[in-house]
Every structure is written in C-alpha cells, then in structure tokens.
C-alpha cells in the first residue's frame, strides 16, 4: 500500500485541529466570550489565559475557538450553496449543449463572465452593504460567488466526457440526459469537485474574515476572527498577541485546507502523482 502524500497528512492534521476546536466550542470554552472583565484587560499570555486577554478582558483563546466555529460554519454553508446549485446547473448546461442546445450554455457563460468581472470580496461587500450586515447575508453573498465557480468547472469537465464511448453507449440504450449526467458524468468528475471544494472552503474563510473585518460579517457580541484583527490594529504595538493569534488562526486554517486539497488531488489523480514522482527522480 502506497503512503499518503505528506501534504494530505499535514493539511488534514491542521484542518482537524480547527474542526475539533470549533466542535468543542459548542459545549465548552475556557471563558465566556460575551463576559466583560475590564479589570483583566490586556493580560499577557499565561497559564491563566493561554493567549492573553483583549481590551475588554475577554479570553482570546475562547474567542478564537468561537470565531473558528463561525468561520467554518459560514464556509461550509456557502460552499454547499455553490455546489448544490452550481453542479446541477453545470451538468444541465453541458448536457444541453452536447445535445444541440447551445442557447443556455451561452447564457450561463455570459452570466459567469459578468460575475467574475467583479472581485469576489467586492461583490460580497456590495451584497451585504445593500441587504445589511450579518452572518446570513455574508453566507448568501459568498454562496452566490461559489455558484458560477462550480457551474463553470462542472460544465467544462462534463463536456469532455460527453463524447466518450461509454456515454454514447448509454445514449444508445435510451438513457436520458439527466440519468447519464448523474450515473456516468458526475461520478467521473467528483474528484475534481472535491478538490475545488477544499479550495473554495479556504476562500470562503478569507471572505468571511474580510467581511467581518469591515463590519459586514458576524456581528457582536459573537466573536469573529476578522473583527478581532480589526480591533487589534490600533493596539498591535503594546498588545501584539491580539493580532498574532487570530491572524495566525486564519493563515493556518487556509494553509491546512490548501495542503489537504493538494494532497487529495494527488491521491485521486494517479497521472499527476506519477508525474510528480518522475520529477522527484529526475
């Protein structure tokens, strides 16, 4: 049995740590994240407060645990919205085009071009600014951007399979477009979608932190990693841990997800794994 890629092991380990932290925060945190203790503000990291306290005396570790939970929840739901809508849309458009209907394909592609013309963060800021700040609107904004990402990827991968012999055999047997898409096309592109999902998770985490940083994401009193960075920027010279720890949490989560996605791609794509092995030997 071949060993798993190092990137997959490291990325999965880092991601698992934050998942455990997020899950644990549902039932326990070292301190109450909404309780104010002004007499304990700006305490250095110690055994009593492992990551110190902020300007309201709140425990930084407890806030990072809850902030991680919010970031993961937003990213899972937002990416789920993108996949649930984008993947069937991409399959439908690819099947329609290969069966003689290019009109819907043109509409989808031009719609994708319109959405991609705006940076994802700018679009999220526009949506949350119009409909108001809050975690729900942040999820909707990030989810809307994920829809064309998955639709475009699904369409491109599916169109490359519609000309294969086994797809032609399925059509000769009388199978319809949707049945072929879900029985033959989707299983063969699932590895690409899984890898893309891990990448979009990391992008969603950054987007949620960015929205919270400008005050359009998770609202007080619930902690957010992005808002923690915003509050820490004026205190970084005398309380640097307020910026280091939440910023490090964001970087480590994104790094873990990207490494895990790279490792999953190596496992699911034997040709890529073989090519990397040849490069190492060379």
Protein backbone atom coordinates (compact mmCIF):
# COMPACT_ATOMS: atom_id res chain seq x y z
CA UNK A 1 0.00 0.00 0.00
CA UNK A 2 1.44 3.37 -1.03
CA UNK A 3 1.90 6.00 1.61
CA UNK A 4 -0.33 9.06 1.57
CA UNK A 5 1.15 12.37 0.36
CA UNK A 6 2.76 14.48 3.07
CA UNK A 7 0.63 17.46 2.06
CA UNK A 8 -2.53 15.46 2.71
CA UNK A 9 -1.34 14.32 6.14
CA UNK A 10 -0.20 17.78 7.23
CA UNK A 11 -3.23 19.56 5.77
CA UNK A 12 -5.68 17.06 7.27
CA UNK A 13 -3.98 17.35 10.65
CA UNK A 14 -4.17 21.15 10.69
CA UNK A 15 -7.77 21.13 9.49
CA UNK A 16 -8.74 18.51 12.07
CA UNK A 17 -7.32 20.64 14.88
CA UNK A 18 -9.56 23.56 13.96
CA UNK A 19 -12.58 21.31 13.45
CA UNK A 20 -12.07 19.91 16.96
CA UNK A 21 -11.72 23.44 18.35
CA UNK A 22 -14.90 24.52 16.59
CA UNK A 23 -16.84 21.47 17.74
CA UNK A 24 -15.59 21.84 21.32
CA UNK A 25 -16.72 25.48 21.40
CA UNK A 26 -20.36 24.34 21.18
CA UNK A 27 -20.14 22.78 24.64
CA UNK A 28 -17.11 24.39 26.31
CA UNK A 29 -14.75 27.34 26.15
CA UNK A 30 -12.22 28.32 28.83
CA UNK A 31 -14.16 31.54 29.50
CA UNK A 32 -17.44 33.14 28.48
CA UNK A 33 -16.78 35.06 25.27
CA UNK A 34 -19.53 37.60 25.98
CA UNK A 35 -18.48 38.40 29.56
CA UNK A 36 -16.59 41.67 30.09
CA UNK A 37 -13.80 41.74 32.69
CA UNK A 38 -12.29 45.21 32.45
CA UNK A 39 -10.04 44.58 35.44
CA UNK A 40 -8.32 41.79 33.46
CA UNK A 41 -7.81 43.60 30.16
CA UNK A 42 -4.56 43.31 28.19
CA UNK A 43 -3.22 40.40 30.19
CA UNK A 44 -0.19 38.74 28.60
CA UNK A 45 -0.43 35.08 27.58
CA UNK A 46 -0.06 32.94 30.69
CA UNK A 47 -1.28 29.72 32.26
CA UNK A 48 -4.47 31.52 33.32
CA UNK A 49 -5.13 32.89 29.82
CA UNK A 50 -3.09 30.90 27.32
CA UNK A 51 -3.43 33.51 24.56
CA UNK A 52 -3.94 36.55 26.77
CA UNK A 53 -6.96 38.86 27.01
CA UNK A 54 -8.24 41.76 24.90
CA UNK A 55 -9.24 45.34 25.73
CA UNK A 56 -12.49 44.13 27.32
CA UNK A 57 -10.80 41.42 29.37
CA UNK A 58 -12.17 38.62 27.17
CA UNK A 59 -10.13 35.46 26.81
CA UNK A 60 -8.51 35.40 23.34
CA UNK A 61 -8.38 31.60 23.13
CA UNK A 62 -12.10 31.32 23.83
CA UNK A 63 -12.85 33.97 21.20
CA UNK A 64 -10.69 32.20 18.61
CA UNK A 65 -12.50 28.92 19.30
CA UNK A 66 -15.91 30.52 18.72
CA UNK A 67 -14.62 32.60 15.81
CA UNK A 68 -13.26 29.45 14.17
CA UNK A 69 -16.66 27.81 14.59
CA UNK A 70 -18.36 30.73 12.86
CA UNK A 71 -15.81 30.77 10.01
CA UNK A 72 -16.14 27.04 9.38
CA UNK A 73 -19.95 27.17 9.54
CA UNK A 74 -20.12 30.07 7.07
CA UNK A 75 -17.68 28.39 4.66
CA UNK A 76 -19.46 25.02 4.75
CA UNK A 77 -22.89 26.53 4.10
CA UNK A 78 -21.63 28.97 1.45
CA UNK A 79 -19.69 26.30 -0.45
CA UNK A 80 -22.67 23.96 -0.05
CA UNK A 81 -24.89 26.56 -1.71
CA UNK A 82 -22.42 26.82 -4.57
CA UNK A 83 -22.27 23.07 -5.08
CA UNK A 84 -25.99 22.37 -4.70
CA UNK A 85 -26.88 24.98 -7.32
CA UNK A 86 -23.74 25.14 -9.44
CA UNK A 87 -23.10 21.44 -10.05
CA UNK A 88 -26.60 20.57 -11.39
CA UNK A 89 -26.55 23.79 -13.41
CA UNK A 90 -23.21 22.87 -14.98
CA UNK A 91 -24.40 19.32 -15.73
CA UNK A 92 -27.59 20.63 -17.31
CA UNK A 93 -25.82 23.17 -19.50
CA UNK A 94 -23.17 20.67 -20.61
CA UNK A 95 -25.82 18.07 -21.44
CA UNK A 96 -27.94 20.63 -23.29
CA UNK A 97 -25.01 21.82 -25.38
CA UNK A 98 -23.91 18.31 -26.31
CA UNK A 99 -27.50 17.53 -27.27
CA UNK A 100 -27.82 20.51 -29.58
CA UNK A 101 -28.89 23.27 -27.18
CA UNK A 102 -26.18 25.95 -27.06
CA UNK A 103 -28.52 28.81 -26.06
CA UNK A 104 -28.45 28.02 -22.33
CA UNK A 105 -24.69 27.49 -22.48
CA UNK A 106 -24.19 30.99 -23.86
CA UNK A 107 -26.43 32.49 -21.16
CA UNK A 108 -24.51 30.66 -18.40
CA UNK A 109 -21.10 31.64 -19.75
CA UNK A 110 -22.02 35.30 -20.17
CA UNK A 111 -23.54 35.31 -16.69
CA UNK A 112 -20.33 33.78 -15.32
CA UNK A 113 -18.27 36.41 -17.10
CA UNK A 114 -20.42 39.14 -15.56
CA UNK A 115 -19.98 37.75 -12.04
CA UNK A 116 -16.26 37.10 -12.46
CA UNK A 117 -15.81 40.67 -13.69
CA UNK A 118 -16.15 41.73 -10.04
CA UNK A 119 -13.70 40.52 -7.39
CA UNK A 120 -15.40 38.06 -5.04
CA UNK A 121 -14.77 40.20 -1.96
CA UNK A 122 -16.08 43.34 -3.66
CA UNK A 123 -19.24 41.51 -4.68
CA UNK A 124 -19.75 40.19 -1.15
CA UNK A 125 -19.29 43.70 0.25
CA UNK A 126 -21.82 45.07 -2.25
CA UNK A 127 -24.43 42.45 -1.35
CA UNK A 128 -24.01 42.79 2.41
CA UNK A 129 -23.97 46.58 2.12
CA UNK A 130 -27.30 46.51 0.27
CA UNK A 131 -29.08 43.91 2.41
CA UNK A 132 -27.39 44.78 5.68
CA UNK A 133 -24.56 43.29 7.74
CA UNK A 134 -24.94 39.89 9.37
CA UNK A 135 -23.80 36.31 9.10
CA UNK A 136 -26.81 35.22 6.98
CA UNK A 137 -26.20 37.87 4.34
CA UNK A 138 -22.49 37.04 4.41
CA UNK A 139 -23.31 33.38 3.70
CA UNK A 140 -25.61 34.37 0.83
CA UNK A 141 -23.01 36.71 -0.64
CA UNK A 142 -20.20 34.14 -0.51
CA UNK A 143 -22.53 31.40 -1.72
CA UNK A 144 -23.59 33.42 -4.77
CA UNK A 145 -19.97 33.76 -5.85
CA UNK A 146 -19.43 30.00 -5.46
CA UNK A 147 -22.29 29.09 -7.81
CA UNK A 148 -20.57 30.13 -11.09
CA UNK A 149 -17.28 28.62 -9.90
CA UNK A 150 -18.80 25.15 -9.59
CA UNK A 151 -21.05 25.62 -12.62
CA UNK A 152 -18.14 26.51 -14.88
CA UNK A 153 -15.93 23.69 -13.59
CA UNK A 154 -18.73 21.12 -13.85
CA UNK A 155 -19.61 22.26 -17.36
CA UNK A 156 -16.03 22.08 -18.60
CA UNK A 157 -15.36 18.66 -17.10
CA UNK A 158 -18.72 17.22 -18.21
CA UNK A 159 -18.34 18.39 -21.80
CA UNK A 160 -15.09 16.48 -22.04
CA UNK A 161 -16.91 13.26 -21.13
CA UNK A 162 -19.99 13.53 -23.34
CA UNK A 163 -18.02 12.37 -26.39
CA UNK A 164 -16.68 9.23 -24.69
CA UNK A 165 -17.70 5.80 -25.94
CA UNK A 166 -19.45 4.70 -22.75
CA UNK A 167 -21.60 7.84 -22.83
CA UNK A 168 -22.54 7.12 -26.43
CA UNK A 169 -23.42 3.56 -25.42
CA UNK A 170 -25.64 4.88 -22.63
CA UNK A 171 -27.43 7.17 -25.11
CA UNK A 172 -27.95 4.25 -27.49
CA UNK A 173 -29.52 2.31 -24.60
CA UNK A 174 -32.13 5.05 -24.28
CA UNK A 175 -30.89 6.83 -21.17
CA UNK A 176 -31.88 10.48 -20.89
CA UNK A 177 -29.62 13.46 -20.32
CA UNK A 178 -30.17 13.71 -16.57
CA UNK A 179 -29.76 9.98 -15.99
CA UNK A 180 -26.49 9.94 -17.92
CA UNK A 181 -25.30 13.04 -16.05
CA UNK A 182 -25.85 11.55 -12.60
CA UNK A 183 -24.98 7.93 -13.35
CA UNK A 184 -21.95 8.41 -15.59
CA UNK A 185 -20.78 12.03 -15.71
CA UNK A 186 -20.96 13.07 -12.06
CA UNK A 187 -19.06 10.06 -10.60
CA UNK A 188 -16.20 10.70 -13.03
CA UNK A 189 -15.80 14.38 -12.16
CA UNK A 190 -16.42 14.02 -8.43
CA UNK A 191 -12.69 14.06 -7.65
CA UNK A 192 -12.35 17.46 -9.35
CA UNK A 193 -15.31 18.83 -7.41
CA UNK A 194 -13.89 17.61 -4.08
CA UNK A 195 -10.56 19.31 -4.73
CA UNK A 196 -12.29 22.51 -5.83
CA UNK A 197 -14.49 22.41 -2.72
CA UNK A 198 -11.44 22.41 -0.43
CA UNK A 199 -10.07 25.43 -2.30
CA UNK A 200 -13.40 27.25 -2.05
CA UNK A 201 -13.55 26.48 1.68
CA UNK A 202 -10.32 28.38 2.20
CA UNK A 203 -11.52 31.26 0.01
CA UNK A 204 -14.81 31.39 1.95
CA UNK A 205 -12.92 31.57 5.26
CA UNK A 206 -10.90 34.53 3.98
CA UNK A 207 -14.06 36.17 2.63
CA UNK A 208 -15.88 35.77 5.96
CA UNK A 209 -12.93 37.21 7.85
CA UNK A 210 -12.72 40.11 5.39
CA UNK A 211 -16.41 40.92 5.69
CA UNK A 212 -16.20 40.81 9.47
CA UNK A 213 -13.09 42.99 9.34
CA UNK A 214 -15.06 45.78 7.65
CA UNK A 215 -18.09 45.23 9.91
CA UNK A 216 -20.34 43.43 7.41
CA UNK A 217 -19.97 39.84 8.62
CA UNK A 218 -20.59 38.26 12.01
CA UNK A 219 -21.94 40.91 14.37
CA UNK A 220 -21.16 41.48 18.07
CA UNK A 221 -21.31 40.01 20.60
CA UNK A 222 -20.37 36.85 18.68
CA UNK A 223 -16.60 36.75 18.07
CA UNK A 224 -15.16 36.75 14.58
CA UNK A 225 -11.53 36.31 13.56
CA UNK A 226 -11.80 39.19 11.09
CA UNK A 227 -13.27 41.60 13.62
CA UNK A 228 -10.64 40.57 16.17
CA UNK A 229 -7.99 41.68 13.67
CA UNK A 230 -9.82 44.96 13.10
CA UNK A 231 -9.97 45.69 16.81
CA UNK A 232 -6.32 44.73 17.29
CA UNK A 233 -4.82 47.03 14.66
CA UNK A 234 -4.72 50.06 16.98
CA UNK A 235 -3.23 48.01 19.83
CA UNK A 236 -0.62 45.98 17.99
CA UNK A 237 2.36 47.87 19.49
CA UNK A 238 1.50 47.18 23.13
CA UNK A 239 -0.69 44.06 22.79
CA UNK A 240 0.59 42.27 19.65
CA UNK A 241 -0.94 38.93 20.64
CA UNK A 242 -4.38 40.34 19.80
CA UNK A 243 -3.37 40.38 16.12
CA UNK A 244 -0.91 37.48 16.00
CA UNK A 245 -3.20 34.75 17.27
CA UNK A 246 -6.40 35.37 15.22
CA UNK A 247 -4.31 36.17 12.15
CA UNK A 248 -2.31 33.01 12.69
CA UNK A 249 -5.53 31.02 13.03
CA UNK A 250 -6.79 32.28 9.65
CA UNK A 251 -3.45 31.59 7.94
CA UNK A 252 -3.17 28.11 9.45
CA UNK A 253 -6.74 27.14 8.51
CA UNK A 254 -6.28 28.30 4.93
CA UNK A 255 -2.88 26.60 4.70
CA UNK A 256 -4.32 23.34 6.05
CA UNK A 257 -7.20 23.36 3.58
CA UNK A 258 -4.93 24.14 0.62
CA UNK A 259 -2.47 21.40 1.59
CA UNK A 260 -5.34 18.96 2.06
CA UNK A 261 -6.78 19.86 -1.33
CA UNK A 262 -3.39 19.39 -2.96
CA UNK A 263 -3.00 16.01 -1.25
CA UNK A 264 -6.49 14.87 -2.25
CA UNK A 265 -5.73 15.84 -5.83
CA UNK A 266 -2.55 13.74 -5.75
CA UNK A 267 -4.46 10.74 -4.37
CA UNK A 268 -7.37 10.99 -6.80
CA UNK A 269 -5.26 11.75 -9.89
CA UNK A 270 -2.80 8.87 -10.49
CA UNK A 271 -1.33 10.58 -13.56
CA UNK A 272 -0.44 13.69 -11.55
CA UNK A 273 1.06 11.56 -8.76
CA UNK A 274 3.15 9.60 -11.29
CA UNK A 275 4.33 12.81 -12.95
CA UNK A 276 5.39 14.29 -9.60
CA UNK A 277 7.28 11.07 -8.82
CA UNK A 278 9.16 11.33 -12.12
CA UNK A 279 10.06 14.94 -11.39
CA UNK A 280 11.47 13.96 -7.98
CA UNK A 281 13.55 11.15 -9.53
CA UNK A 282 14.82 13.47 -12.24
